[in-house]
C-alpha cells in the first residue's frame, strides 16, 4: 500500500513486534509512545470488549492533538483462557501460573486496533485461537528463564521457543497473536485513507 505523501503514520506503541509487523507491511511510520492513558477497566466489562476499550483509551491518551496530516495507530492485545483475562505477568510466579493455565488448552487472542486522525476514528478487533499441547513444569520454567516473557500478554510470544515447540495449531492470523492483525490493518488503513 502506498501512503499518500501528505499523510504521516504514527505508531503509538513501543512493542518491537508491532514495529516489525508495520515494517513488514512496507509502511512508512514513526514511533511515539508518550501517553497518559492508564490501562484500567471495570470488572464487569465483557472480556471481548476490553482490547477495544484499551486501544481507544491509548488513542485518546496520546500526549498531543493530532495534526491534519497525521494518522495515529494504537493497539491492545489480550489473551483469554478458561474465562480468565491474561495480561502481562507481574513476575515469574505469575508467568508460571499463566503458562500452566494455557497448557493443554485452546485460548483466544484478541487484538484491537484504533486508527484516528484529527476528525475521525475507527476501532476494530481480530480473534485467533491458539492450541497448546501439555507443557511440563520444566518446559515452562525453561521458557520463562530463557525468554523472560514479562512484557507479553499471556506470558508468551508465538515467535519464541514456546511457539515453535508448544503450539500445535492456530485458527486465525499469526500476526493477531503477535500483536497487530496485519491483514485487517492493511484493509482498514486503505479505507481510512
Foldseek 3Di string as FASTA:
>chain_A
DDDPPLAAEEEQDPDPLVVVLCVVVVHHYYYDNDFDFDQDDDPPPPPLCSFQVRQVSRVVRPPDAADQRYKYKGKDKWKAAPRDIFFFAPDLVRLLVLVQRLEQAKIKMKMKMKIDHNPDIDMDIFIKIWGWYHDDSVRSVVCCVPVVQRNGGSSDALPDPCVVPTTDDMGGDSSSSNHDRSVVCVVVVVVVD
